[in-house]
Amino acid sequence: MALANLAVFGAGLLWAQRAEGRVEAQRTLARTDLLGTLVGTLVDARGNLRSAALLRWDRWDEWFEDVQIAHFPDLGDPGRPALGLRLDPLGAAGRDPRHDEAEVLAAMRTAAGGGGRVLVAGGVALPVVLPDGRPWGGCWLRSRRATQGEGFLRQLLPWFIASTLVLTLATFSLVRGLVLEPVQRLARTANRIGRGELAARAGPTSRPDEVGQLITQFDRMAEEVQGFQVRLEREVAEATAQARSAEAAAMTQRRLAATGELAAGVAHEINNPLGGLVNAVEVLGRESTTPERREEYLALVRTGLERIRVTVGRLLRLAPRETRTTRLSLGQPLQDALGLVAHRAGQAQVLLEVGPLEGEPALHGTEAARTFLGSLPELEGQPNELGQAILNLLVNALDSLEGAALSGARSVQSRISLLVGAGAGAEAGFMRIEVRDSGPGASAEVLERAGDAFFTTKDPGRGTGLGLAMVHGVAAAHRGRLELRSVPGEGFTAVLLLACGGEDEA
């Protein structure tokens, strides 16, 4: 507002100065014409100027700052003197010392000789002509500028400055109260809501104008956002609870499905010794059986029962139940998981290998494999959870190899390798368990989602997509992690890292 007022005042001042300049030019022209006419009328027939009458003129001080009048007798008669009468009506005492007298006289001679008006020394030189038209001489004058306009502007300037300040302050106060403060309040409230303070409000307000309507609508929108947030949190909590319940139920189903998949192997492991036990009981029931033969069959009965006890024990150790972490030998859950998939692997003609990370693995069931598993160190964990995790990894590998066999993609001897060793480098303090298979592998897209719950590439009815998700959970519970690696056509590797120390070493 202040800049706009200054611009308007400056434009008006410039226009006034230009207009005053034009008026002053017209005034100066009229005064010079009047002075030239006056001097010409005061010259008698002999060319003498009545200077007393001229000096009595009452306009000298009012109209002019300086005046010089000179008679040049030689204008009409070259034989006469070049300069005659010279008159200074306002006196020469107060004249500027830098005033060039010769220059002014030369300009007056030029004007008198027919050169018209000549600008010189800040004034104008003009000819003095007698009434009969004969040139008499010249005069030089510097007109006095009118001071009424400048005085008016000097008087107007303080009022203009005062009015500009009052108008600017009043406008700022009005705009601040009506617009700036409400907008700043809206901005602060929006920032608070953006930081999560959904209860922040900009009102209340009783203003009926557009700003008041804006504040009211903003608060109404904030209330709707807050209500939506509350509803969303409630719905998210309900959906999360339902998802957890469904995941728990699906995990249980997965465990039951895995147990069902092993039922054939368990039945085979039990049925074989049961058949021998039935035969032994029949032989022992005969009266003709000799004591030596009776002792032989009793030993067979004990061996069969022990085999059944071991098989059932493995199944019970892997059964899902609440357990506490304990110090255990890592070889025991690995041996249990291998024993439960051994029959299925044999039927699928898949070799099971066990060994260290560096070195040659041995076939499962051989003395070298049992010795290696028995030499593994202890760690803190849950035996049934670890066994179930290893079992899931072995079952996934078997599913992959069986699927490749059904599709005709298997061309070499299928094998699953269970390799165990201490981690090195960034994996120091962890036991590293790798389950490798010689199957078709997985693409990068499948590998990226393989650990997601409910994601599976198996045919409908053959998988729930929870096997690897459960292994992830077991790894996290043992302060470790599960890593999956694969190249299409070059097999699949699952790496399970388990912390070796107790809780204080994690």
Protein backbone atom coordinates (compact mmCIF):
# COMPACT_ATOMS: atom_id res chain seq x y z
CA MET A 1 0.00 0.00 0.00
CA ALA A 2 2.82 2.41 0.89
CA LEU A 3 4.67 1.67 -2.35
CA ALA A 4 1.49 2.19 -4.37
CA ASN A 5 0.89 5.56 -2.71
CA LEU A 6 4.50 6.61 -3.31
CA ALA A 7 4.21 5.64 -6.96
CA VAL A 8 0.99 7.65 -7.40
CA PHE A 9 2.45 10.66 -5.59
CA GLY A 10 5.66 10.49 -7.66
CA ALA A 11 3.69 10.34 -10.90
CA GLY A 12 1.57 13.30 -9.79
CA LEU A 13 4.65 15.27 -8.77
CA LEU A 14 6.32 14.62 -12.12
CA TRP A 15 3.17 15.71 -13.97
CA ALA A 16 2.91 18.85 -11.81
CA GLN A 17 6.55 19.74 -12.42
CA ARG A 18 6.13 19.34 -16.17
CA ALA A 19 2.96 21.39 -16.14
CA GLU A 20 4.64 24.06 -14.01
CA GLY A 21 7.55 24.07 -16.44
CA ARG A 22 5.25 24.69 -19.36
CA VAL A 23 3.46 27.49 -17.50
CA GLU A 24 6.79 29.01 -16.46
CA ALA A 25 8.03 28.92 -20.05
CA GLN A 26 4.91 30.69 -21.23
CA ARG A 27 5.22 33.22 -18.41
CA THR A 28 8.89 33.91 -19.23
CA LEU A 29 8.05 34.37 -22.92
CA ALA A 30 5.31 36.86 -22.12
CA ARG A 31 7.59 38.80 -19.75
CA THR A 32 10.42 39.01 -22.27
CA ASP A 33 8.05 40.24 -24.99
CA LEU A 34 6.61 42.81 -22.59
CA LEU A 35 10.07 44.03 -21.53
CA GLY A 36 11.24 44.36 -25.13
CA THR A 37 8.13 46.31 -26.05
CA LEU A 38 8.48 48.51 -22.94
CA VAL A 39 12.10 49.44 -23.70
CA GLY A 40 11.25 50.19 -27.32
CA THR A 41 8.48 52.62 -26.31
CA LEU A 42 10.81 54.53 -23.96
CA VAL A 43 13.32 55.39 -26.71
CA ASP A 44 12.77 58.85 -28.24
CA ALA A 45 13.21 59.87 -31.89
CA ARG A 46 16.89 60.60 -31.39
CA GLY A 47 17.53 57.15 -29.97
CA ASN A 48 17.86 58.20 -26.34
CA LEU A 49 16.36 55.92 -23.67
CA ARG A 50 14.32 57.54 -20.92
CA SER A 51 15.99 55.45 -18.26
CA ALA A 52 14.34 57.16 -15.30
CA ALA A 53 10.91 56.12 -16.47
CA LEU A 54 12.20 52.60 -17.16
CA LEU A 55 13.75 52.20 -13.71
CA ARG A 56 10.47 53.28 -12.08
CA TRP A 57 8.75 50.18 -13.43
CA ASP A 58 7.40 48.15 -10.47
CA ARG A 59 7.85 44.63 -11.95
CA TRP A 60 11.64 44.38 -11.88
CA ASP A 61 12.08 42.57 -8.56
CA GLU A 62 8.88 40.55 -8.93
CA TRP A 63 9.54 39.14 -12.41
CA PHE A 64 13.32 39.08 -12.93
CA GLU A 65 16.43 37.85 -11.17
CA ASP A 66 18.84 39.85 -13.40
CA VAL A 67 18.47 42.25 -16.35
CA GLN A 68 20.91 44.01 -18.69
CA ILE A 69 19.98 46.56 -21.39
CA ALA A 70 22.47 47.84 -24.01
CA HIS A 71 22.24 50.30 -26.95
CA PHE A 72 24.28 49.50 -30.05
CA PRO A 73 24.46 52.75 -32.13
CA ASP A 74 26.43 51.08 -34.92
CA LEU A 75 23.54 48.81 -35.90
CA GLY A 76 22.25 51.48 -38.33
CA ASP A 77 25.48 53.49 -38.80
CA PRO A 78 28.74 51.49 -38.83
CA GLY A 79 30.71 54.69 -38.36
CA ARG A 80 29.35 55.32 -34.87
CA PRO A 81 30.67 53.72 -31.60
CA ALA A 82 29.91 50.00 -31.15
CA LEU A 83 28.37 50.35 -27.66
CA GLY A 84 26.28 53.17 -26.34
CA LEU A 85 24.13 53.17 -23.18
CA ARG A 86 24.33 50.11 -20.89
CA LEU A 87 21.81 49.74 -18.04
CA ASP A 88 21.50 47.28 -15.10
CA PRO A 89 18.00 47.90 -13.64
CA LEU A 90 18.57 45.43 -10.74
CA GLY A 91 22.15 46.46 -10.11
CA ALA A 92 25.38 44.58 -10.73
CA ALA A 93 26.59 44.31 -7.11
CA GLY A 94 24.80 41.06 -6.33
CA ARG A 95 25.61 39.40 -9.66
CA ASP A 96 27.51 36.11 -9.71
CA PRO A 97 31.28 36.80 -10.17
CA ARG A 98 31.34 34.02 -12.78
CA HIS A 99 28.94 36.05 -14.96
CA ASP A 100 30.54 36.49 -18.41
CA GLU A 101 29.78 40.08 -19.37
CA ALA A 102 31.35 39.86 -22.82
CA GLU A 103 29.41 36.71 -23.70
CA VAL A 104 26.13 38.33 -22.68
CA LEU A 105 26.85 41.52 -24.69
CA ALA A 106 27.78 39.44 -27.75
CA ALA A 107 24.50 37.51 -27.45
CA MET A 108 22.53 40.77 -27.16
CA ARG A 109 24.30 42.16 -30.28
CA THR A 110 23.48 38.95 -32.15
CA ALA A 111 19.81 39.18 -31.10
CA ALA A 112 19.64 42.89 -32.01
CA GLY A 113 21.24 42.23 -35.39
CA GLY A 114 18.35 39.97 -36.40
CA GLY A 115 19.31 36.73 -34.64
CA GLY A 116 16.10 36.56 -32.62
CA ARG A 117 16.20 35.19 -29.08
CA VAL A 118 19.54 33.77 -27.90
CA LEU A 119 19.88 31.60 -24.77
CA VAL A 120 22.98 32.54 -22.78
CA ALA A 121 24.19 32.55 -19.13
CA GLY A 122 21.01 30.98 -17.79
CA GLY A 123 18.82 33.64 -19.39
CA VAL A 124 17.68 34.85 -22.79
CA ALA A 125 18.94 37.75 -24.98
CA LEU A 126 16.36 39.46 -27.22
CA PRO A 127 16.34 42.49 -29.53
CA VAL A 128 14.93 45.93 -28.63
CA VAL A 129 13.07 47.35 -31.63
CA LEU A 130 11.73 50.87 -31.98
CA PRO A 131 8.05 51.40 -32.83
CA ASP A 132 8.98 52.16 -36.44
CA GLY A 133 10.72 48.76 -36.73
CA ARG A 134 14.32 49.93 -36.51
CA PRO A 135 16.65 47.93 -34.24
CA TRP A 136 17.90 49.89 -31.25
CA GLY A 137 19.81 47.41 -29.14
CA GLY A 138 19.23 44.37 -26.99
CA CYS A 139 18.40 43.22 -23.53
CA TRP A 140 19.24 40.13 -21.52
CA LEU A 141 17.12 38.83 -18.67
CA ARG A 142 16.79 35.86 -16.35
CA SER A 143 13.21 35.36 -15.24
CA ARG A 144 12.33 34.71 -11.62
CA ARG A 145 10.59 31.38 -11.16
CA ALA A 146 7.27 31.35 -9.38
CA THR A 147 7.50 29.78 -5.91
CA GLN A 148 3.82 29.28 -5.26
CA GLY A 149 3.80 25.75 -6.74
CA GLU A 150 6.91 24.63 -4.86
CA GLY A 151 5.54 26.02 -1.62
CA PHE A 152 2.33 24.14 -2.20
CA LEU A 153 4.23 20.91 -2.75
CA ARG A 154 6.30 21.45 0.38
CA GLN A 155 3.13 21.96 2.36
CA LEU A 156 1.49 18.93 0.76
CA LEU A 157 4.39 16.51 1.38
CA PRO A 158 3.94 16.10 5.20
CA TRP A 159 0.24 15.53 4.77
CA PHE A 160 0.91 12.98 2.07
CA ILE A 161 3.41 11.10 4.26
CA ALA A 162 1.02 11.14 7.22
CA SER A 163 -1.93 9.94 5.13
CA THR A 164 0.19 7.16 3.60
CA LEU A 165 1.30 5.92 7.03
CA VAL A 166 -2.24 6.03 8.45
CA LEU A 167 -3.73 4.32 5.40
CA THR A 168 -1.00 1.65 5.36
CA LEU A 169 -1.28 0.89 9.09
CA ALA A 170 -5.07 0.83 8.97
CA THR A 171 -5.06 -1.47 5.94
CA PHE A 172 -2.47 -3.79 7.52
CA SER A 173 -4.43 -3.95 10.78
CA LEU A 174 -7.63 -4.71 8.89
CA VAL A 175 -6.05 -7.35 6.66
CA ARG A 176 -4.19 -8.89 9.60
CA GLY A 177 -7.33 -9.25 11.68
CA LEU A 178 -9.57 -10.41 8.84
CA VAL A 179 -7.18 -12.58 6.78
CA LEU A 180 -3.62 -13.04 8.03
CA GLU A 181 -4.29 -14.27 11.59
CA PRO A 182 -7.06 -16.72 10.57
CA VAL A 183 -4.88 -18.11 7.77
CA GLN A 184 -1.91 -18.47 10.16
CA ARG A 185 -4.18 -20.25 12.64
CA LEU A 186 -5.31 -22.61 9.88
CA ALA A 187 -1.68 -23.26 8.90
CA ARG A 188 -0.63 -24.02 12.50
CA THR A 189 -3.59 -26.36 12.95
CA ALA A 190 -2.82 -28.13 9.66
CA ASN A 191 0.79 -28.63 10.78
CA ARG A 192 -0.35 -30.12 14.10
CA ILE A 193 -2.71 -32.50 12.31
CA GLY A 194 0.12 -33.43 9.96
CA ARG A 195 2.24 -34.35 13.02
CA GLY A 196 -0.50 -36.69 14.24
CA GLU A 197 -2.47 -34.38 16.60
CA LEU A 198 -5.83 -35.23 15.04
CA ALA A 199 -7.75 -33.48 17.86
CA ALA A 200 -6.35 -30.05 16.88
CA ARG A 201 -8.93 -27.51 15.67
CA ALA A 202 -8.72 -23.97 14.18
CA GLY A 203 -12.07 -22.73 15.55
CA PRO A 204 -14.57 -22.05 16.87
CA THR A 205 -15.48 -18.86 14.99
CA SER A 206 -18.60 -16.75 14.64
CA ARG A 207 -17.52 -14.97 11.45
CA PRO A 208 -20.12 -15.28 8.66
CA ASP A 209 -17.70 -14.38 5.85
CA GLU A 210 -15.68 -16.67 3.56
CA VAL A 211 -12.78 -16.99 6.03
CA GLY A 212 -15.19 -18.05 8.78
CA GLN A 213 -16.75 -20.63 6.46
CA LEU A 214 -13.27 -21.89 5.59
CA ILE A 215 -12.38 -22.37 9.28
CA THR A 216 -15.69 -24.13 9.97
CA GLN A 217 -15.29 -26.46 7.00
CA PHE A 218 -11.66 -27.17 7.94
CA ASP A 219 -12.63 -28.18 11.49
CA ARG A 220 -15.44 -30.33 10.12
CA MET A 221 -12.99 -32.05 7.79
CA ALA A 222 -10.55 -32.57 10.69
CA GLU A 223 -13.34 -34.21 12.72
CA GLU A 224 -14.10 -36.55 9.83
CA VAL A 225 -10.40 -37.42 9.48
CA GLN A 226 -10.16 -38.11 13.22
CA GLY A 227 -13.27 -40.28 13.11
CA PHE A 228 -11.95 -42.13 10.08
CA GLN A 229 -8.63 -42.69 11.87
CA VAL A 230 -10.41 -44.13 14.91
CA ARG A 231 -12.53 -46.40 12.73
CA LEU A 232 -9.48 -47.42 10.71
CA GLU A 233 -7.49 -48.28 13.84
CA ARG A 234 -10.40 -50.33 15.17
CA GLU A 235 -10.86 -52.15 11.86
CA VAL A 236 -7.11 -52.73 11.54
CA ALA A 237 -7.02 -54.18 15.07
CA GLU A 238 -9.95 -56.47 14.27
CA ALA A 239 -8.43 -57.52 10.93
CA THR A 240 -5.06 -58.13 12.61
CA ALA A 241 -6.68 -60.29 15.27
CA GLN A 242 -8.56 -62.26 12.61
CA ALA A 243 -5.41 -62.65 10.52
CA ARG A 244 -3.45 -63.88 13.51
CA SER A 245 -6.20 -66.31 14.38
CA ALA A 246 -6.36 -67.55 10.80
CA GLU A 247 -2.58 -67.80 10.62
CA ALA A 248 -2.47 -69.79 13.85
CA ALA A 249 -5.17 -72.11 12.56
CA ALA A 250 -3.42 -72.46 9.21
CA MET A 251 -0.12 -73.14 10.96
CA THR A 252 -1.77 -75.88 12.96
CA GLN A 253 -3.23 -77.30 9.76
CA ARG A 254 0.19 -77.18 8.19
CA ARG A 255 1.66 -79.11 11.08
CA LEU A 256 -1.16 -81.65 10.84
CA ALA A 257 -0.68 -81.88 7.07
CA ALA A 258 3.03 -82.47 7.54
CA THR A 259 2.25 -85.15 10.08
CA GLY A 260 -0.19 -86.73 7.62
CA GLU A 261 2.45 -86.73 4.91
CA LEU A 262 4.70 -88.68 7.27
CA ALA A 263 1.99 -91.15 8.23
CA ALA A 264 2.95 -93.57 5.45
CA GLY A 265 6.58 -93.52 6.50
CA VAL A 266 5.70 -93.98 10.17
CA ALA A 267 3.32 -96.83 9.32
CA HIS A 268 6.05 -98.49 7.28
CA GLU A 269 8.55 -98.09 10.11
CA ILE A 270 6.11 -99.68 12.55
CA ASN A 271 4.51 -102.30 10.33
CA ASN A 272 7.80 -103.97 9.45
CA PRO A 273 8.76 -104.81 13.06
CA LEU A 274 5.11 -105.59 13.89
CA GLY A 275 5.06 -108.29 11.20
CA GLY A 276 8.19 -109.83 12.69
CA LEU A 277 6.72 -109.59 16.19
CA VAL A 278 3.58 -111.47 15.11
CA ASN A 279 5.69 -114.26 13.60
CA ALA A 280 7.89 -114.40 16.70
CA VAL A 281 4.86 -114.65 19.01
CA GLU A 282 3.48 -117.53 16.93
CA VAL A 283 6.79 -119.36 17.17
CA LEU A 284 7.06 -118.69 20.90
CA GLY A 285 3.55 -120.10 21.37
CA ARG A 286 4.49 -123.49 19.98
CA GLU A 287 5.38 -126.17 22.53
CA SER A 288 7.97 -127.61 20.18
CA THR A 289 10.12 -124.51 20.31
CA THR A 290 13.46 -125.22 21.85
CA PRO A 291 14.89 -123.03 24.61
CA GLU A 292 17.67 -121.78 22.31
CA ARG A 293 15.19 -120.84 19.60
CA ARG A 294 12.91 -119.26 22.21
CA GLU A 295 15.76 -117.01 23.37
CA GLU A 296 16.48 -116.08 19.74
CA TYR A 297 12.87 -115.02 19.10
CA LEU A 298 12.65 -113.15 22.38
CA ALA A 299 15.66 -111.09 21.24
CA LEU A 300 13.86 -110.41 17.96
CA VAL A 301 10.80 -109.25 19.90
CA ARG A 302 12.92 -106.87 22.00
CA THR A 303 14.62 -105.50 18.84
CA GLY A 304 11.27 -104.90 17.10
CA LEU A 305 9.74 -103.21 20.12
CA GLU A 306 12.80 -100.98 20.50
CA ARG A 307 12.52 -100.00 16.84
CA ILE A 308 8.86 -99.09 17.32
CA ARG A 309 9.73 -97.13 20.47
CA VAL A 310 12.39 -95.10 18.63
CA THR A 311 10.03 -94.29 15.73
CA VAL A 312 7.24 -93.18 18.07
CA GLY A 313 9.73 -91.15 20.10
CA ARG A 314 10.84 -89.27 17.02
CA LEU A 315 7.25 -88.45 16.15
CA LEU A 316 6.50 -87.29 19.69
CA ARG A 317 9.57 -85.04 19.82
CA LEU A 318 8.41 -83.28 16.65
CA ALA A 319 4.78 -83.00 17.73
CA PRO A 320 3.62 -79.34 18.24
CA ARG A 321 3.36 -78.49 21.94
CA GLU A 322 4.40 -75.76 24.35
CA THR A 323 8.03 -76.17 25.38
CA ARG A 324 10.73 -74.11 27.00
CA THR A 325 14.16 -73.50 25.61
CA THR A 326 16.78 -75.88 26.90
CA ARG A 327 20.35 -76.83 26.23
CA LEU A 328 20.27 -79.54 23.60
CA SER A 329 22.53 -81.34 21.16
CA LEU A 330 21.86 -80.11 17.64
CA GLY A 331 22.30 -83.63 16.27
CA GLN A 332 19.14 -84.95 17.99
CA PRO A 333 16.48 -82.85 16.12
CA LEU A 334 18.41 -83.29 12.87
CA GLN A 335 18.45 -87.07 13.34
CA ASP A 336 14.73 -87.12 14.16
CA ALA A 337 13.80 -85.08 11.06
CA LEU A 338 16.00 -87.24 8.79
CA GLY A 339 14.51 -90.42 10.23
CA LEU A 340 10.94 -89.29 9.52
CA VAL A 341 11.61 -88.52 5.83
CA ALA A 342 13.96 -91.44 5.17
CA HIS A 343 11.20 -93.84 4.07
CA ARG A 344 9.63 -91.27 1.68
CA ALA A 345 13.04 -90.42 0.27
CA GLY A 346 13.78 -94.09 -0.32
CA GLN A 347 10.51 -94.56 -2.20
CA ALA A 348 11.29 -91.49 -4.35
CA GLN A 349 14.83 -92.75 -4.98
CA VAL A 350 16.33 -89.61 -3.43
CA LEU A 351 19.67 -89.86 -1.66
CA LEU A 352 19.88 -88.26 1.80
CA GLU A 353 23.36 -86.93 2.66
CA VAL A 354 24.69 -85.53 5.92
CA GLY A 355 28.00 -83.83 6.55
CA PRO A 356 30.00 -80.69 7.33
CA LEU A 357 29.88 -77.51 5.30
CA GLU A 358 33.39 -78.18 4.07
CA GLY A 359 34.08 -81.78 3.15
CA GLU A 360 32.39 -84.85 1.71
CA PRO A 361 28.92 -85.70 3.11
CA ALA A 362 27.93 -89.28 4.05
CA LEU A 363 24.66 -91.06 3.30
CA HIS A 364 22.05 -90.98 6.05
CA GLY A 365 21.97 -94.16 8.09
CA THR A 366 25.64 -94.91 7.69
CA GLU A 367 28.01 -94.99 10.62
CA ALA A 368 29.84 -91.92 9.31
CA ALA A 369 26.57 -89.93 9.26
CA ARG A 370 25.63 -91.02 12.79
CA THR A 371 29.11 -90.13 14.05
CA PHE A 372 28.95 -86.67 12.48
CA LEU A 373 25.49 -85.92 13.91
CA GLY A 374 26.62 -87.10 17.34
CA SER A 375 29.59 -84.71 17.26
CA LEU A 376 27.57 -81.54 16.71
CA PRO A 377 27.73 -78.95 19.53
CA GLU A 378 24.96 -77.96 21.89
CA LEU A 379 22.91 -74.80 21.71
CA GLU A 380 19.97 -73.14 23.45
CA GLY A 381 16.65 -73.92 21.79
CA GLN A 382 13.40 -75.84 21.58
CA PRO A 383 13.96 -79.41 20.31
CA ASN A 384 10.52 -79.92 18.79
CA GLU A 385 10.52 -76.49 17.05
CA LEU A 386 14.00 -77.03 15.59
CA GLY A 387 13.10 -80.53 14.46
CA GLN A 388 9.87 -79.28 12.85
CA ALA A 389 11.77 -76.51 11.03
CA ILE A 390 14.37 -78.95 9.64
CA LEU A 391 11.59 -81.38 8.75
CA ASN A 392 9.77 -78.66 6.77
CA LEU A 393 12.93 -77.82 4.83
CA LEU A 394 13.51 -81.53 4.01
CA VAL A 395 9.86 -82.01 3.00
CA ASN A 396 10.00 -78.94 0.71
CA ALA A 397 13.12 -80.35 -0.95
CA LEU A 398 11.41 -83.74 -1.42
CA ASP A 399 8.32 -82.05 -2.90
CA SER A 400 10.52 -80.20 -5.39
CA LEU A 401 12.36 -83.35 -6.46
CA GLU A 402 9.15 -85.39 -6.73
CA GLY A 403 7.55 -82.65 -8.81
CA ALA A 404 10.55 -82.63 -11.14
CA ALA A 405 10.34 -86.43 -11.46
CA LEU A 406 6.63 -86.28 -12.33
CA SER A 407 7.28 -83.64 -15.01
CA GLY A 408 10.17 -85.65 -16.48
CA ALA A 409 12.70 -82.91 -15.74
CA ARG A 410 14.95 -85.08 -13.56
CA SER A 411 17.84 -86.57 -15.51
CA VAL A 412 20.46 -87.27 -12.80
CA GLN A 413 20.43 -88.89 -9.39
CA SER A 414 18.34 -86.76 -7.04
CA ARG A 415 19.86 -85.89 -3.71
CA ILE A 416 19.24 -83.79 -0.65
CA SER A 417 22.24 -82.65 1.38
CA LEU A 418 21.99 -81.60 5.03
CA LEU A 419 25.19 -79.66 5.84
CA VAL A 420 26.04 -78.21 9.25
CA GLY A 421 28.88 -76.04 10.55
CA ALA A 422 29.87 -72.95 12.50
CA GLY A 423 29.31 -69.60 10.77
CA ALA A 424 32.28 -67.45 9.78
CA GLY A 425 32.80 -63.73 9.27
CA ALA A 426 29.52 -61.86 9.69
CA GLU A 427 27.91 -65.17 10.75
CA ALA A 428 30.30 -65.73 13.66
CA GLY A 429 28.37 -66.86 16.74
CA PHE A 430 25.79 -68.74 14.65
CA MET A 431 25.37 -72.38 13.65
CA ARG A 432 24.77 -72.67 9.91
CA ILE A 433 22.43 -75.41 8.66
CA GLU A 434 22.04 -75.80 4.89
CA VAL A 435 19.47 -77.96 3.11
CA ARG A 436 20.44 -78.33 -0.55
CA ASP A 437 18.54 -80.17 -3.26
CA SER A 438 19.33 -80.96 -6.88
CA GLY A 439 15.88 -79.92 -8.08
CA PRO A 440 14.87 -77.40 -10.77
CA GLY A 441 15.42 -74.36 -8.52
CA ALA A 442 13.28 -71.22 -8.48
CA SER A 443 13.15 -67.93 -10.36
CA ALA A 444 14.03 -64.62 -8.72
CA GLU A 445 10.34 -63.66 -8.54
CA VAL A 446 9.38 -66.89 -6.78
CA LEU A 447 12.43 -66.70 -4.49
CA GLU A 448 11.47 -63.19 -3.41
CA ARG A 449 8.05 -64.39 -2.24
CA ALA A 450 8.96 -67.89 -1.10
CA GLY A 451 8.99 -66.96 2.58
CA ASP A 452 5.60 -65.19 2.49
CA ALA A 453 2.76 -66.81 4.35
CA PHE A 454 0.24 -68.67 2.14
CA PHE A 455 2.44 -68.38 -0.95
CA THR A 456 3.03 -71.72 -2.67
CA THR A 457 3.96 -73.02 -6.11
CA LYS A 458 2.62 -76.50 -5.41
CA ASP A 459 -0.51 -77.93 -6.98
CA PRO A 460 -3.80 -77.30 -5.13
CA GLY A 461 -4.14 -79.60 -2.16
CA ARG A 462 -0.41 -80.29 -1.89
CA GLY A 463 0.76 -77.16 -0.06
CA THR A 464 -0.51 -74.40 2.23
CA GLY A 465 2.32 -71.90 1.76
CA LEU A 466 3.11 -71.89 5.50
CA GLY A 467 6.13 -74.23 5.64
CA LEU A 468 8.85 -71.63 5.06
CA ALA A 469 6.88 -69.00 6.99
CA MET A 470 6.95 -71.34 10.02
CA VAL A 471 10.71 -71.84 9.56
CA HIS A 472 11.15 -68.05 9.53
CA GLY A 473 9.30 -67.88 12.84
CA VAL A 474 11.42 -70.62 14.39
CA ALA A 475 14.64 -68.91 13.21
CA ALA A 476 13.53 -65.58 14.72
CA ALA A 477 12.62 -67.32 18.01
CA HIS A 478 16.19 -68.72 18.14
CA ARG A 479 17.69 -65.26 17.39
CA GLY A 480 18.60 -66.30 13.88
CA ARG A 481 17.28 -66.01 10.35
CA LEU A 482 16.42 -68.01 7.24
CA GLU A 483 18.05 -67.27 3.86
CA LEU A 484 16.88 -68.74 0.55
CA ARG A 485 19.10 -69.04 -2.51
CA SER A 486 18.47 -70.53 -5.91
CA VAL A 487 19.38 -70.36 -9.58
CA PRO A 488 16.84 -71.81 -12.05
CA GLY A 489 18.02 -75.26 -13.13
CA GLU A 490 20.74 -75.49 -10.44
CA GLY A 491 18.82 -76.55 -7.35
CA PHE A 492 17.58 -74.79 -4.23
CA THR A 493 19.38 -73.99 -0.95
CA ALA A 494 17.81 -73.04 2.39
CA VAL A 495 20.23 -71.63 4.99
CA LEU A 496 19.08 -71.66 8.63
CA LEU A 497 21.24 -69.61 11.03
CA LEU A 498 20.81 -70.27 14.76
CA ALA A 499 22.49 -68.35 17.59
CA CYS A 500 24.94 -70.56 19.50
CA GLY A 501 24.91 -68.75 22.86
CA GLY A 502 22.25 -68.07 25.43
CA GLU A 503 20.04 -65.00 25.70
CA ASP A 504 22.87 -62.82 27.00
CA GLU A 505 25.04 -63.65 24.00
CA ALA A 506 22.49 -62.82 21.31
